[in-house]
Amino acid sequence: MPRIAPLDPPYPPEIKAQFDRIMRGAPPLMLFRVMAGHTRAWDKFRAGGLLDPGPLSLREREIVIDRTCALNTCEYEWGVHVAIFARTARLTDDQVRATVLGDATSSCWSLAEQALIAAADALHHRATLGDAEFAALSAHYDEAQILEIMLLCGFYRTVSYLANGLRLPLEEEAARFPTV
């Protein structure tokens, strides 16, 4: 069990409708069930959630999210994203593994994707982008996309804090971190 008890069904109609909208009819994730039990936290979480598609492709978005979660050792969220989105985003097994065990120089990434990984790494380790990292992003992404990359890194760092700090059990269907 997580450190804060999740909502159990039956859910209040408004919460059920929100779960259905986010999860597209699938059972709600434990993270959502915990957050939804606290109205202010749930409202703030959803408001800042970046759950809409945004200006990045699904593939770009998932690379940023997966790398950020891996850097924060958040197997819970990393595993959910890999299980749900990796195939649709056309991430290969090597690329999925590289989000955990690789770096920006891993040969499986294009130059644009290397810039995404380097940006996630810089934001994680230094909370800023150096001139070279910003220039590499700017060579491939416009201003709206760069802002989205930074927002995704920050939001999924927060999600990682929540999942790790709450000690959420791994979702049954989620992927697990690679070991090699």
C-alpha atoms as a PDB file:
ATOM      1  CA  MET A   1       0.000   0.000   0.000  1.00  0.00           C
ATOM      2  CA  PRO A   2       1.145   3.556  -0.628  1.00  0.00           C
ATOM      3  CA  ARG A   3       1.785   5.867   2.304  1.00  0.00           C
ATOM      4  CA  ILE A   4      -1.490   7.720   1.621  1.00  0.00           C
ATOM      5  CA  ALA A   5      -4.546   5.578   0.957  1.00  0.00           C
ATOM      6  CA  PRO A   6      -6.024   5.748  -2.543  1.00  0.00           C
ATOM      7  CA  LEU A   7      -9.689   6.254  -3.316  1.00  0.00           C
ATOM      8  CA  ASP A   8     -11.547   3.014  -3.732  1.00  0.00           C
ATOM      9  CA  PRO A   9     -14.500   2.488  -6.064  1.00  0.00           C
ATOM     10  CA  PRO A  10     -17.217   3.450  -6.377  1.00  0.00           C
ATOM     11  CA  TYR A  11     -15.793   6.865  -7.177  1.00  0.00           C
ATOM     12  CA  PRO A  12     -17.803  10.074  -6.878  1.00  0.00           C
ATOM     13  CA  PRO A  13     -19.341  10.810 -10.328  1.00  0.00           C
ATOM     14  CA  GLU A  14     -17.143  13.872 -10.987  1.00  0.00           C
ATOM     15  CA  ILE A  15     -13.959  11.944 -10.104  1.00  0.00           C
ATOM     16  CA  LYS A  16     -15.062   8.940 -12.176  1.00  0.00           C
ATOM     17  CA  ALA A  17     -15.655  11.220 -15.164  1.00  0.00           C
ATOM     18  CA  GLN A  18     -12.172  12.725 -14.713  1.00  0.00           C
ATOM     19  CA  PHE A  19     -10.595   9.266 -14.452  1.00  0.00           C
ATOM     20  CA  ASP A  20     -12.460   8.123 -17.566  1.00  0.00           C
ATOM     21  CA  ARG A  21     -11.341  11.197 -19.503  1.00  0.00           C
ATOM     22  CA  ILE A  22      -7.679  10.786 -18.500  1.00  0.00           C
ATOM     23  CA  MET A  23      -7.529   6.990 -18.656  1.00  0.00           C
ATOM     24  CA  ARG A  24      -9.889   6.607 -21.632  1.00  0.00           C
ATOM     25  CA  GLY A  25     -11.940   4.017 -19.794  1.00  0.00           C
ATOM     26  CA  ALA A  26      -9.023   1.989 -18.346  1.00  0.00           C
ATOM     27  CA  PRO A  27      -8.849   1.613 -14.562  1.00  0.00           C
ATOM     28  CA  PRO A  28      -7.275   4.668 -12.911  1.00  0.00           C
ATOM     29  CA  LEU A  29      -3.629   4.521 -11.902  1.00  0.00           C
ATOM     30  CA  MET A  30      -2.770   4.319  -8.214  1.00  0.00           C
ATOM     31  CA  LEU A  31      -1.160   7.774  -8.433  1.00  0.00           C
ATOM     32  CA  PHE A  32      -4.418   9.265  -9.685  1.00  0.00           C
ATOM     33  CA  ARG A  33      -6.441   7.452  -7.024  1.00  0.00           C
ATOM     34  CA  VAL A  34      -4.195   8.823  -4.251  1.00  0.00           C
ATOM     35  CA  MET A  35      -4.195  12.371  -5.615  1.00  0.00           C
ATOM     36  CA  ALA A  36      -7.966  12.411  -6.252  1.00  0.00           C
ATOM     37  CA  GLY A  37      -8.605  11.786  -2.571  1.00  0.00           C
ATOM     38  CA  HIS A  38      -7.367  15.318  -1.867  1.00  0.00           C
ATOM     39  CA  THR A  39      -9.292  17.896  -3.879  1.00  0.00           C
ATOM     40  CA  ARG A  40      -6.738  20.719  -3.852  1.00  0.00           C
ATOM     41  CA  ALA A  41      -3.819  18.437  -4.726  1.00  0.00           C
ATOM     42  CA  TRP A  42      -5.837  16.688  -7.457  1.00  0.00           C
ATOM     43  CA  ASP A  43      -6.999  19.964  -8.999  1.00  0.00           C
ATOM     44  CA  LYS A  44      -3.468  21.403  -8.989  1.00  0.00           C
ATOM     45  CA  PHE A  45      -2.035  18.157 -10.362  1.00  0.00           C
ATOM     46  CA  ARG A  46      -4.510  18.072 -13.243  1.00  0.00           C
ATOM     47  CA  ALA A  47      -4.092  21.785 -13.960  1.00  0.00           C
ATOM     48  CA  GLY A  48      -0.326  21.467 -14.340  1.00  0.00           C
ATOM     49  CA  GLY A  49      -0.355  17.978 -15.721  1.00  0.00           C
ATOM     50  CA  LEU A  50       0.519  18.608 -19.332  1.00  0.00           C
ATOM     51  CA  LEU A  51      -1.771  15.700 -20.160  1.00  0.00           C
ATOM     52  CA  ASP A  52      -2.688  17.244 -23.509  1.00  0.00           C
ATOM     53  CA  PRO A  53      -0.589  16.483 -26.594  1.00  0.00           C
ATOM     54  CA  GLY A  54       1.209  19.847 -26.711  1.00  0.00           C
ATOM     55  CA  PRO A  55       3.677  21.016 -29.379  1.00  0.00           C
ATOM     56  CA  LEU A  56       5.941  17.936 -29.280  1.00  0.00           C
ATOM     57  CA  SER A  57       5.354  14.653 -31.065  1.00  0.00           C
ATOM     58  CA  LEU A  58       4.386  11.703 -28.888  1.00  0.00           C
ATOM     59  CA  ARG A  59       7.854  10.237 -29.480  1.00  0.00           C
ATOM     60  CA  GLU A  60       9.666  13.419 -28.380  1.00  0.00           C
ATOM     61  CA  ARG A  61       7.389  13.791 -25.401  1.00  0.00           C
ATOM     62  CA  GLU A  62       7.946  10.205 -24.266  1.00  0.00           C
ATOM     63  CA  ILE A  63      11.720  10.447 -24.613  1.00  0.00           C
ATOM     64  CA  VAL A  64      11.702  13.477 -22.299  1.00  0.00           C
ATOM     65  CA  ILE A  65       9.289  11.884 -19.814  1.00  0.00           C
ATOM     66  CA  ASP A  66      11.012   8.498 -19.759  1.00  0.00           C
ATOM     67  CA  ARG A  67      14.458  10.020 -19.319  1.00  0.00           C
ATOM     68  CA  THR A  68      13.277  12.379 -16.572  1.00  0.00           C
ATOM     69  CA  CYS A  69      11.586   9.565 -14.663  1.00  0.00           C
ATOM     70  CA  ALA A  70      14.632   7.325 -15.062  1.00  0.00           C
ATOM     71  CA  LEU A  71      16.963  10.059 -13.768  1.00  0.00           C
ATOM     72  CA  ASN A  72      14.715  10.354 -10.718  1.00  0.00           C
ATOM     73  CA  THR A  73      14.711   6.550 -10.257  1.00  0.00           C
ATOM     74  CA  CYS A  74      10.940   6.582 -10.600  1.00  0.00           C
ATOM     75  CA  GLU A  75      10.251   3.112 -11.914  1.00  0.00           C
ATOM     76  CA  TYR A  76       6.528   3.597 -11.235  1.00  0.00           C
ATOM     77  CA  GLU A  77       5.972   6.440 -13.731  1.00  0.00           C
ATOM     78  CA  TRP A  78       8.667   5.301 -16.162  1.00  0.00           C
ATOM     79  CA  GLY A  79       7.043   1.867 -16.267  1.00  0.00           C
ATOM     80  CA  VAL A  80       3.551   3.243 -16.846  1.00  0.00           C
ATOM     81  CA  HIS A  81       4.736   5.417 -19.726  1.00  0.00           C
ATOM     82  CA  VAL A  82       6.804   2.688 -21.339  1.00  0.00           C
ATOM     83  CA  ALA A  83       3.944   0.181 -21.106  1.00  0.00           C
ATOM     84  CA  ILE A  84       1.335   2.565 -22.504  1.00  0.00           C
ATOM     85  CA  PHE A  85       3.234   4.734 -24.977  1.00  0.00           C
ATOM     86  CA  ALA A  86       6.592   3.232 -26.035  1.00  0.00           C
ATOM     87  CA  ARG A  87       5.292   1.165 -28.945  1.00  0.00           C
ATOM     88  CA  THR A  88       2.947   3.886 -30.225  1.00  0.00           C
ATOM     89  CA  ALA A  89       5.841   6.358 -29.992  1.00  0.00           C
ATOM     90  CA  ARG A  90       7.953   3.876 -32.002  1.00  0.00           C
ATOM     91  CA  LEU A  91      10.625   3.577 -29.323  1.00  0.00           C
ATOM     92  CA  THR A  92      12.763   0.483 -29.859  1.00  0.00           C
ATOM     93  CA  ASP A  93      13.792  -1.804 -27.016  1.00  0.00           C
ATOM     94  CA  ASP A  94      17.304  -0.303 -27.231  1.00  0.00           C
ATOM     95  CA  GLN A  95      15.912   3.220 -26.952  1.00  0.00           C
ATOM     96  CA  VAL A  96      13.694   2.317 -24.000  1.00  0.00           C
ATOM     97  CA  ARG A  97      16.732   0.756 -22.304  1.00  0.00           C
ATOM     98  CA  ALA A  98      18.818   3.845 -23.135  1.00  0.00           C
ATOM     99  CA  THR A  99      16.385   6.117 -21.291  1.00  0.00           C
ATOM    100  CA  VAL A 100      17.556   4.339 -18.124  1.00  0.00           C
ATOM    101  CA  LEU A 101      21.054   3.049 -18.868  1.00  0.00           C
ATOM    102  CA  GLY A 102      22.281   5.294 -21.706  1.00  0.00           C
ATOM    103  CA  ASP A 103      23.007   8.960 -22.206  1.00  0.00           C
ATOM    104  CA  ALA A 104      22.797  11.628 -24.890  1.00  0.00           C
ATOM    105  CA  THR A 105      25.632  10.011 -26.846  1.00  0.00           C
ATOM    106  CA  SER A 106      23.908   6.623 -27.137  1.00  0.00           C
ATOM    107  CA  SER A 107      23.975   5.624 -30.787  1.00  0.00           C
ATOM    108  CA  CYS A 108      20.253   4.801 -30.849  1.00  0.00           C
ATOM    109  CA  TRP A 109      19.273   8.500 -30.788  1.00  0.00           C
ATOM    110  CA  SER A 110      19.046  10.942 -33.694  1.00  0.00           C
ATOM    111  CA  LEU A 111      20.734  14.331 -33.230  1.00  0.00           C
ATOM    112  CA  ALA A 112      17.414  15.924 -32.251  1.00  0.00           C
ATOM    113  CA  GLU A 113      16.765  13.149 -29.733  1.00  0.00           C
ATOM    114  CA  GLN A 114      20.283  13.513 -28.335  1.00  0.00           C
ATOM    115  CA  ALA A 115      19.423  17.158 -27.671  1.00  0.00           C
ATOM    116  CA  LEU A 116      16.315  16.044 -25.746  1.00  0.00           C
ATOM    117  CA  ILE A 117      18.293  13.616 -23.592  1.00  0.00           C
ATOM    118  CA  ALA A 118      21.046  16.193 -22.958  1.00  0.00           C
ATOM    119  CA  ALA A 119      18.436  18.779 -21.957  1.00  0.00           C
ATOM    120  CA  ALA A 120      16.709  16.385 -19.547  1.00  0.00           C
ATOM    121  CA  ASP A 121      20.090  15.490 -18.044  1.00  0.00           C
ATOM    122  CA  ALA A 122      21.132  19.127 -17.648  1.00  0.00           C
ATOM    123  CA  LEU A 123      17.844  20.160 -16.078  1.00  0.00           C
ATOM    124  CA  HIS A 124      17.992  17.210 -13.702  1.00  0.00           C
ATOM    125  CA  HIS A 125      21.610  17.702 -12.626  1.00  0.00           C
ATOM    126  CA  ARG A 126      21.967  21.493 -12.800  1.00  0.00           C
ATOM    127  CA  ALA A 127      18.408  22.881 -12.989  1.00  0.00           C
ATOM    128  CA  THR A 128      19.419  24.884 -16.053  1.00  0.00           C
ATOM    129  CA  LEU A 129      20.420  24.556 -19.674  1.00  0.00           C
ATOM    130  CA  GLY A 130      23.899  25.611 -20.700  1.00  0.00           C
ATOM    131  CA  ASP A 131      24.432  27.574 -23.902  1.00  0.00           C
ATOM    132  CA  ALA A 132      25.445  24.435 -25.818  1.00  0.00           C
ATOM    133  CA  GLU A 133      22.369  22.512 -24.654  1.00  0.00           C
ATOM    134  CA  PHE A 134      20.064  25.403 -25.511  1.00  0.00           C
ATOM    135  CA  ALA A 135      21.706  25.785 -28.936  1.00  0.00           C
ATOM    136  CA  ALA A 136      21.317  22.048 -29.616  1.00  0.00           C
ATOM    137  CA  LEU A 137      17.620  22.240 -28.735  1.00  0.00           C
ATOM    138  CA  SER A 138      17.192  25.407 -30.826  1.00  0.00           C
ATOM    139  CA  ALA A 139      18.627  23.634 -33.865  1.00  0.00           C
ATOM    140  CA  HIS A 140      15.702  21.201 -33.817  1.00  0.00           C
ATOM    141  CA  TYR A 141      12.859  22.747 -31.805  1.00  0.00           C
ATOM    142  CA  ASP A 142      11.032  26.066 -31.763  1.00  0.00           C
ATOM    143  CA  GLU A 143      10.477  28.203 -28.669  1.00  0.00           C
ATOM    144  CA  ALA A 144       7.120  26.642 -27.787  1.00  0.00           C
ATOM    145  CA  GLN A 145       8.654  23.173 -28.002  1.00  0.00           C
ATOM    146  CA  ILE A 146      11.655  24.175 -25.850  1.00  0.00           C
ATOM    147  CA  LEU A 147       9.315  25.553 -23.196  1.00  0.00           C
ATOM    148  CA  GLU A 148       7.316  22.313 -23.343  1.00  0.00           C
ATOM    149  CA  ILE A 149      10.505  20.262 -22.887  1.00  0.00           C
ATOM    150  CA  MET A 150      11.408  22.240 -19.767  1.00  0.00           C
ATOM    151  CA  LEU A 151       7.839  22.021 -18.433  1.00  0.00           C
ATOM    152  CA  LEU A 152       7.742  18.263 -18.994  1.00  0.00           C
ATOM    153  CA  CYS A 153      11.049  17.795 -17.173  1.00  0.00           C
ATOM    154  CA  GLY A 154       9.798  19.824 -14.215  1.00  0.00           C
ATOM    155  CA  PHE A 155       6.368  18.220 -14.090  1.00  0.00           C
ATOM    156  CA  TYR A 156       7.674  14.667 -14.306  1.00  0.00           C
ATOM    157  CA  ARG A 157      10.275  15.418 -11.654  1.00  0.00           C
ATOM    158  CA  THR A 158       7.310  16.376  -9.452  1.00  0.00           C
ATOM    159  CA  VAL A 159       5.466  13.201 -10.480  1.00  0.00           C
ATOM    160  CA  SER A 160       8.600  11.245  -9.579  1.00  0.00           C
ATOM    161  CA  TYR A 161       8.698  12.902  -6.158  1.00  0.00           C
ATOM    162  CA  LEU A 162       5.067  11.934  -5.610  1.00  0.00           C
ATOM    163  CA  ALA A 163       5.384   8.331  -6.778  1.00  0.00           C
ATOM    164  CA  ASN A 164       8.659   7.743  -4.930  1.00  0.00           C
ATOM    165  CA  GLY A 165       7.689   9.640  -1.782  1.00  0.00           C
ATOM    166  CA  LEU A 166       4.329   7.882  -1.562  1.00  0.00           C
ATOM    167  CA  ARG A 167       6.025   4.532  -2.222  1.00  0.00           C
ATOM    168  CA  LEU A 168       3.454   3.674  -4.848  1.00  0.00           C
ATOM    169  CA  PRO A 169       3.478  -0.012  -5.718  1.00  0.00           C
ATOM    170  CA  LEU A 170       4.350  -0.639  -9.347  1.00  0.00           C
ATOM    171  CA  GLU A 171       1.321  -0.963 -11.597  1.00  0.00           C
ATOM    172  CA  GLU A 172       0.734  -4.579 -12.586  1.00  0.00           C
ATOM    173  CA  GLU A 173       0.972  -3.987 -16.346  1.00  0.00           C
ATOM    174  CA  ALA A 174       3.815  -1.462 -16.158  1.00  0.00           C
ATOM    175  CA  ALA A 175       7.296  -2.058 -17.533  1.00  0.00           C
ATOM    176  CA  ARG A 176      10.209  -2.601 -15.176  1.00  0.00           C
ATOM    177  CA  PHE A 177      13.598  -0.883 -15.292  1.00  0.00           C
ATOM    178  CA  PRO A 178      16.147  -2.795 -17.383  1.00  0.00           C
ATOM    179  CA  THR A 179      19.140  -4.143 -15.510  1.00  0.00           C
ATOM    180  CA  VAL A 180      21.489  -4.459 -18.507  1.00  0.00           C
END
